C-alpha atoms as a PDB file:
ATOM      1  CA  MET A   1      -9.123  45.121  23.757  1.00  0.00           C
ATOM      2  CA  ARG A   2      -7.839  43.423  20.610  1.00  0.00           C
ATOM      3  CA  ASN A   3      -6.738  40.308  22.323  1.00  0.00           C
ATOM      4  CA  ALA A   4     -10.182  40.358  24.099  1.00  0.00           C
ATOM      5  CA  LEU A   5     -11.812  40.203  20.805  1.00  0.00           C
ATOM      6  CA  VAL A   6      -9.583  37.333  19.614  1.00  0.00           C
ATOM      7  CA  MET A   7     -10.257  35.432  22.504  1.00  0.00           C
ATOM      8  CA  ALA A   8     -13.988  35.898  22.074  1.00  0.00           C
ATOM      9  CA  GLY A   9     -13.536  34.608  18.304  1.00  0.00           C
ATOM     10  CA  ILE A  10     -11.442  31.949  19.248  1.00  0.00           C
ATOM     11  CA  GLY A  11     -13.971  30.558  21.786  1.00  0.00           C
ATOM     12  CA  LEU A  12     -17.096  31.048  19.546  1.00  0.00           C
ATOM     13  CA  VAL A  13     -15.088  29.078  16.868  1.00  0.00           C
ATOM     14  CA  ALA A  14     -14.413  26.163  19.715  1.00  0.00           C
ATOM     15  CA  SER A  15     -18.265  26.410  20.894  1.00  0.00           C
ATOM     16  CA  VAL A  16     -19.379  25.992  17.343  1.00  0.00           C
ATOM     17  CA  ALA A  17     -16.765  23.192  16.560  1.00  0.00           C
ATOM     18  CA  LEU A  18     -17.979  21.167  19.772  1.00  0.00           C
ATOM     19  CA  ALA A  19     -21.515  21.664  18.975  1.00  0.00           C
ATOM     20  CA  ALA A  20     -20.706  20.111  15.524  1.00  0.00           C
ATOM     21  CA  CYS A  21     -18.984  17.204  17.294  1.00  0.00           C
ATOM     22  CA  GLY A  22     -22.157  16.085  18.982  1.00  0.00           C
ATOM     23  CA  PRO A  23     -23.953  12.569  18.329  1.00  0.00           C
ATOM     24  CA  PRO A  24     -25.299  12.096  15.047  1.00  0.00           C
ATOM     25  CA  PRO A  25     -28.984  12.504  14.773  1.00  0.00           C
ATOM     26  CA  LEU A  26     -31.340   9.426  15.272  1.00  0.00           C
ATOM     27  CA  LYS A  27     -32.196   7.756  12.213  1.00  0.00           C
ATOM     28  CA  GLU A  28     -35.077   5.132  11.786  1.00  0.00           C
ATOM     29  CA  TYR A  29     -34.635   1.780  10.876  1.00  0.00           C
ATOM     30  CA  THR A  30     -37.618  -0.368   9.798  1.00  0.00           C
ATOM     31  CA  TYR A  31     -38.248  -4.025  10.124  1.00  0.00           C
ATOM     32  CA  PRO A  32     -41.124  -4.457   8.164  1.00  0.00           C
ATOM     33  CA  ALA A  33     -40.724  -8.348   8.114  1.00  0.00           C
ATOM     34  CA  TRP A  34     -41.138  -8.124  11.928  1.00  0.00           C
ATOM     35  CA  GLY A  35     -43.628  -5.338  12.216  1.00  0.00           C
ATOM     36  CA  PHE A  36     -41.391  -2.451  14.040  1.00  0.00           C
ATOM     37  CA  ALA A  37     -39.286   0.596  13.544  1.00  0.00           C
ATOM     38  CA  ALA A  38     -36.880   2.031  16.148  1.00  0.00           C
ATOM     39  CA  SER A  39     -34.316   5.012  15.832  1.00  0.00           C
ATOM     40  CA  PHE A  40     -30.439   4.444  16.471  1.00  0.00           C
ATOM     41  CA  ARG A  41     -27.741   6.994  16.087  1.00  0.00           C
ATOM     42  CA  ALA A  42     -26.076   4.433  13.791  1.00  0.00           C
ATOM     43  CA  ALA A  43     -26.598   1.377  12.025  1.00  0.00           C
ATOM     44  CA  PRO A  44     -27.460  -1.555  14.634  1.00  0.00           C
ATOM     45  CA  THR A  45     -26.182  -5.038  14.623  1.00  0.00           C
ATOM     46  CA  GLU A  46     -28.849  -7.404  13.527  1.00  0.00           C
ATOM     47  CA  THR A  47     -29.359 -10.653  14.560  1.00  0.00           C
ATOM     48  CA  ASP A  48     -31.870 -13.180  13.209  1.00  0.00           C
ATOM     49  CA  THR A  49     -32.107 -16.301  15.436  1.00  0.00           C
ATOM     50  CA  PRO A  50     -34.040 -19.439  13.810  1.00  0.00           C
ATOM     51  CA  ALA A  51     -36.433 -21.246  15.831  1.00  0.00           C
ATOM     52  CA  ALA A  52     -35.241 -24.764  16.917  1.00  0.00           C
ATOM     53  CA  ALA A  53     -36.744 -27.747  15.593  1.00  0.00           C
ATOM     54  CA  ASP A  54     -37.484 -29.122  19.062  1.00  0.00           C
ATOM     55  CA  GLY A  55     -39.340 -25.835  20.029  1.00  0.00           C
ATOM     56  CA  SER A  56     -36.705 -24.895  22.646  1.00  0.00           C
ATOM     57  CA  GLN A  57     -35.792 -21.757  20.719  1.00  0.00           C
ATOM     58  CA  LEU A  58     -38.378 -19.394  19.084  1.00  0.00           C
ATOM     59  CA  HIS A  59     -37.931 -17.573  16.227  1.00  0.00           C
ATOM     60  CA  MET A  60     -36.327 -14.003  17.251  1.00  0.00           C
ATOM     61  CA  PHE A  61     -34.764 -10.975  15.542  1.00  0.00           C
ATOM     62  CA  GLN A  62     -32.703  -8.470  17.258  1.00  0.00           C
ATOM     63  CA  ALA A  63     -31.265  -4.934  16.412  1.00  0.00           C
ATOM     64  CA  GLU A  64     -28.651  -3.874  18.901  1.00  0.00           C
ATOM     65  CA  TYR A  65     -26.539  -0.644  19.368  1.00  0.00           C
ATOM     66  CA  ASN A  66     -23.971  -0.684  22.004  1.00  0.00           C
ATOM     67  CA  LYS A  67     -21.805   2.427  22.338  1.00  0.00           C
ATOM     68  CA  ASP A  68     -20.513   5.035  24.818  1.00  0.00           C
ATOM     69  CA  GLY A  69     -22.012   3.265  27.743  1.00  0.00           C
ATOM     70  CA  ARG A  70     -25.341   2.711  26.137  1.00  0.00           C
ATOM     71  CA  ASP A  71     -26.838  -0.440  24.984  1.00  0.00           C
ATOM     72  CA  PHE A  72     -30.264  -0.265  23.182  1.00  0.00           C
ATOM     73  CA  ILE A  73     -32.205  -3.226  21.867  1.00  0.00           C
ATOM     74  CA  ALA A  74     -35.316  -3.530  19.911  1.00  0.00           C
ATOM     75  CA  SER A  75     -36.202  -7.088  19.341  1.00  0.00           C
ATOM     76  CA  ALA A  76     -39.377  -9.063  18.133  1.00  0.00           C
ATOM     77  CA  THR A  77     -40.002 -12.729  19.048  1.00  0.00           C
ATOM     78  CA  ASP A  78     -42.575 -14.994  17.082  1.00  0.00           C
ATOM     79  CA  GLU A  79     -45.091 -16.158  19.586  1.00  0.00           C
ATOM     80  CA  SER A  80     -47.255 -17.761  16.855  1.00  0.00           C
ATOM     81  CA  THR A  81     -46.987 -21.474  18.430  1.00  0.00           C
ATOM     82  CA  SER A  82     -47.554 -20.260  22.165  1.00  0.00           C
ATOM     83  CA  LYS A  83     -50.736 -21.624  23.607  1.00  0.00           C
ATOM     84  CA  GLN A  84     -50.914 -18.461  25.544  1.00  0.00           C
ATOM     85  CA  THR A  85     -53.107 -15.469  24.731  1.00  0.00           C
ATOM     86  CA  ASP A  86     -51.665 -12.105  23.766  1.00  0.00           C
ATOM     87  CA  ASP A  87     -52.580 -10.869  27.378  1.00  0.00           C
ATOM     88  CA  GLN A  88     -50.934 -13.874  29.044  1.00  0.00           C
ATOM     89  CA  ILE A  89     -47.746 -13.520  26.996  1.00  0.00           C
ATOM     90  CA  LEU A  90     -47.583  -9.857  27.952  1.00  0.00           C
ATOM     91  CA  ALA A  91     -48.413 -10.526  31.745  1.00  0.00           C
ATOM     92  CA  ALA A  92     -45.506 -12.800  31.818  1.00  0.00           C
ATOM     93  CA  ALA A  93     -42.975 -10.968  29.905  1.00  0.00           C
ATOM     94  CA  PRO A  94     -41.555  -8.848  32.726  1.00  0.00           C
ATOM     95  CA  VAL A  95     -40.920 -11.517  35.175  1.00  0.00           C
ATOM     96  CA  THR A  96     -39.359 -13.798  32.398  1.00  0.00           C
ATOM     97  CA  ILE A  97     -36.893 -10.894  31.202  1.00  0.00           C
ATOM     98  CA  ALA A  98     -35.805 -10.162  34.537  1.00  0.00           C
ATOM     99  CA  GLN A  99     -35.310 -13.718  35.657  1.00  0.00           C
ATOM    100  CA  ASN A 100     -33.486 -14.299  32.494  1.00  0.00           C
ATOM    101  CA  ALA A 101     -31.153 -11.357  33.269  1.00  0.00           C
ATOM    102  CA  GLY A 102     -30.607 -12.645  36.578  1.00  0.00           C
ATOM    103  CA  ALA A 103     -32.603  -9.553  38.168  1.00  0.00           C
ATOM    104  CA  THR A 104     -36.188  -8.455  39.624  1.00  0.00           C
ATOM    105  CA  VAL A 105     -38.633  -6.171  38.095  1.00  0.00           C
ATOM    106  CA  GLY A 106     -38.816  -2.808  39.529  1.00  0.00           C
ATOM    107  CA  ALA A 107     -41.273  -0.186  38.866  1.00  0.00           C
ATOM    108  CA  MET A 108     -43.981  -0.862  36.413  1.00  0.00           C
ATOM    109  CA  SER A 109     -46.313   1.257  34.323  1.00  0.00           C
ATOM    110  CA  ASN A 110     -48.691   1.008  31.131  1.00  0.00           C
ATOM    111  CA  VAL A 111     -47.396   2.290  27.956  1.00  0.00           C
ATOM    112  CA  SER A 112     -48.332   2.430  24.381  1.00  0.00           C
ATOM    113  CA  ALA A 113     -46.815   1.935  20.710  1.00  0.00           C
ATOM    114  CA  GLY A 114     -49.007   2.768  17.726  1.00  0.00           C
ATOM    115  CA  GLY A 115     -52.086   1.919  19.547  1.00  0.00           C
ATOM    116  CA  VAL A 116     -50.685  -1.216  21.181  1.00  0.00           C
ATOM    117  CA  VAL A 117     -50.829  -1.193  25.138  1.00  0.00           C
ATOM    118  CA  GLY A 118     -47.868  -2.534  26.692  1.00  0.00           C
ATOM    119  CA  ARG A 119     -45.773  -2.373  29.994  1.00  0.00           C
ATOM    120  CA  GLN A 120     -42.856  -0.303  30.901  1.00  0.00           C
ATOM    121  CA  PHE A 121     -40.729  -1.324  33.853  1.00  0.00           C
ATOM    122  CA  GLN A 122     -37.152  -1.464  35.246  1.00  0.00           C
ATOM    123  CA  ILE A 123     -34.556  -4.269  35.527  1.00  0.00           C
ATOM    124  CA  VAL A 124     -33.143  -4.305  39.020  1.00  0.00           C
ATOM    125  CA  HIS A 125     -30.070  -5.685  39.909  1.00  0.00           C
ATOM    126  CA  ALA A 126     -28.531  -5.642  43.292  1.00  0.00           C
ATOM    127  CA  GLY A 127     -31.168  -2.847  44.425  1.00  0.00           C
ATOM    128  CA  GLN A 128     -30.057  -0.552  41.279  1.00  0.00           C
ATOM    129  CA  SER A 129     -31.843   0.019  38.333  1.00  0.00           C
ATOM    130  CA  SER A 130     -29.820  -1.353  35.398  1.00  0.00           C
ATOM    131  CA  ALA A 131     -32.157  -1.011  32.311  1.00  0.00           C
ATOM    132  CA  ARG A 132     -35.556   0.256  31.209  1.00  0.00           C
ATOM    133  CA  VAL A 133     -37.827  -2.131  29.180  1.00  0.00           C
ATOM    134  CA  ARG A 134     -40.926  -1.826  27.242  1.00  0.00           C
ATOM    135  CA  VAL A 135     -42.602  -4.670  26.192  1.00  0.00           C
ATOM    136  CA  PHE A 136     -45.911  -5.018  23.540  1.00  0.00           C
ATOM    137  CA  VAL A 137     -47.630  -8.010  22.118  1.00  0.00           C
ATOM    138  CA  ALA A 138     -49.193  -7.884  18.774  1.00  0.00           C
ATOM    139  CA  ASP A 139     -49.833 -10.086  15.724  1.00  0.00           C
ATOM    140  CA  ARG A 140     -48.581 -12.786  17.791  1.00  0.00           C
ATOM    141  CA  ARG A 141     -45.214 -11.170  18.330  1.00  0.00           C
ATOM    142  CA  LEU A 142     -43.464 -10.039  21.612  1.00  0.00           C
ATOM    143  CA  TYR A 143     -41.636  -6.915  21.083  1.00  0.00           C
ATOM    144  CA  GLN A 144     -39.058  -5.944  23.854  1.00  0.00           C
ATOM    145  CA  VAL A 145     -37.351  -2.542  23.597  1.00  0.00           C
ATOM    146  CA  VAL A 146     -34.314  -2.289  26.263  1.00  0.00           C
ATOM    147  CA  ALA A 147     -32.626   0.647  27.027  1.00  0.00           C
ATOM    148  CA  ALA A 148     -29.582   0.737  29.355  1.00  0.00           C
ATOM    149  CA  SER A 149     -26.847   3.843  30.282  1.00  0.00           C
ATOM    150  CA  THR A 150     -24.104   4.024  32.417  1.00  0.00           C
ATOM    151  CA  THR A 151     -25.347   7.755  32.708  1.00  0.00           C
ATOM    152  CA  ALA A 152     -28.079   8.709  35.339  1.00  0.00           C
ATOM    153  CA  ASN A 153     -31.296   9.974  33.801  1.00  0.00           C
ATOM    154  CA  ASP A 154     -29.681  10.044  30.421  1.00  0.00           C
ATOM    155  CA  PRO A 155     -32.015  11.475  27.904  1.00  0.00           C
ATOM    156  CA  GLU A 156     -30.964   9.139  25.163  1.00  0.00           C
ATOM    157  CA  VAL A 157     -32.676   6.471  27.051  1.00  0.00           C
ATOM    158  CA  LYS A 158     -36.209   8.020  26.456  1.00  0.00           C
ATOM    159  CA  ALA A 159     -35.547   9.212  23.078  1.00  0.00           C
ATOM    160  CA  PHE A 160     -34.784   5.481  21.996  1.00  0.00           C
ATOM    161  CA  LEU A 161     -37.707   3.891  23.780  1.00  0.00           C
ATOM    162  CA  ASP A 162     -39.957   6.623  22.306  1.00  0.00           C
ATOM    163  CA  SER A 163     -38.677   5.996  18.974  1.00  0.00           C
ATOM    164  CA  PHE A 164     -40.007   2.580  19.035  1.00  0.00           C
ATOM    165  CA  ARG A 165     -43.211   1.821  16.841  1.00  0.00           C
ATOM    166  CA  ILE A 166     -45.138  -0.921  15.770  1.00  0.00           C
ATOM    167  CA  ILE A 167     -45.720  -1.160  12.220  1.00  0.00           C
ATOM    168  CA  GLY A 168     -47.397  -4.046  11.370  1.00  0.00           C
ATOM    169  CA  LYS A 169     -46.859  -6.869   8.884  1.00  0.00           C
END
């Protein structure tokens, strides 16, 4: 009986310790200059790419967290010099993003963030979904939120995508 109680106690301590070793909580990172916020488990790598003088590269900002088979990206691109309307930019974004990734666009649906309607779609490589993407256009900026995971039906993907919000200038 005493051994059973000791074993039960050890089991309880081990399960509490394992629960404490779970992932850190999501923390929101805000980028007011770019008008968005997104939540990551740890500080993302931030990359600010200036526009090219010849117009071949637009000004872009990206926050990326890559760990444990997951790659989460939130980015904004300055589209203020584009001759396209916001609706045209939004309509073209899924195909352009997929082509740049050497893939095709999978299932697509409407989604919103902070009252801004966008698109959610799958990036498909060789018949397999490899990432879920959400795109929005607001204030002449194209926002891309990309979540990829090596785990099928990873709840972290939805948590990250749902954490993105447009906060304005």
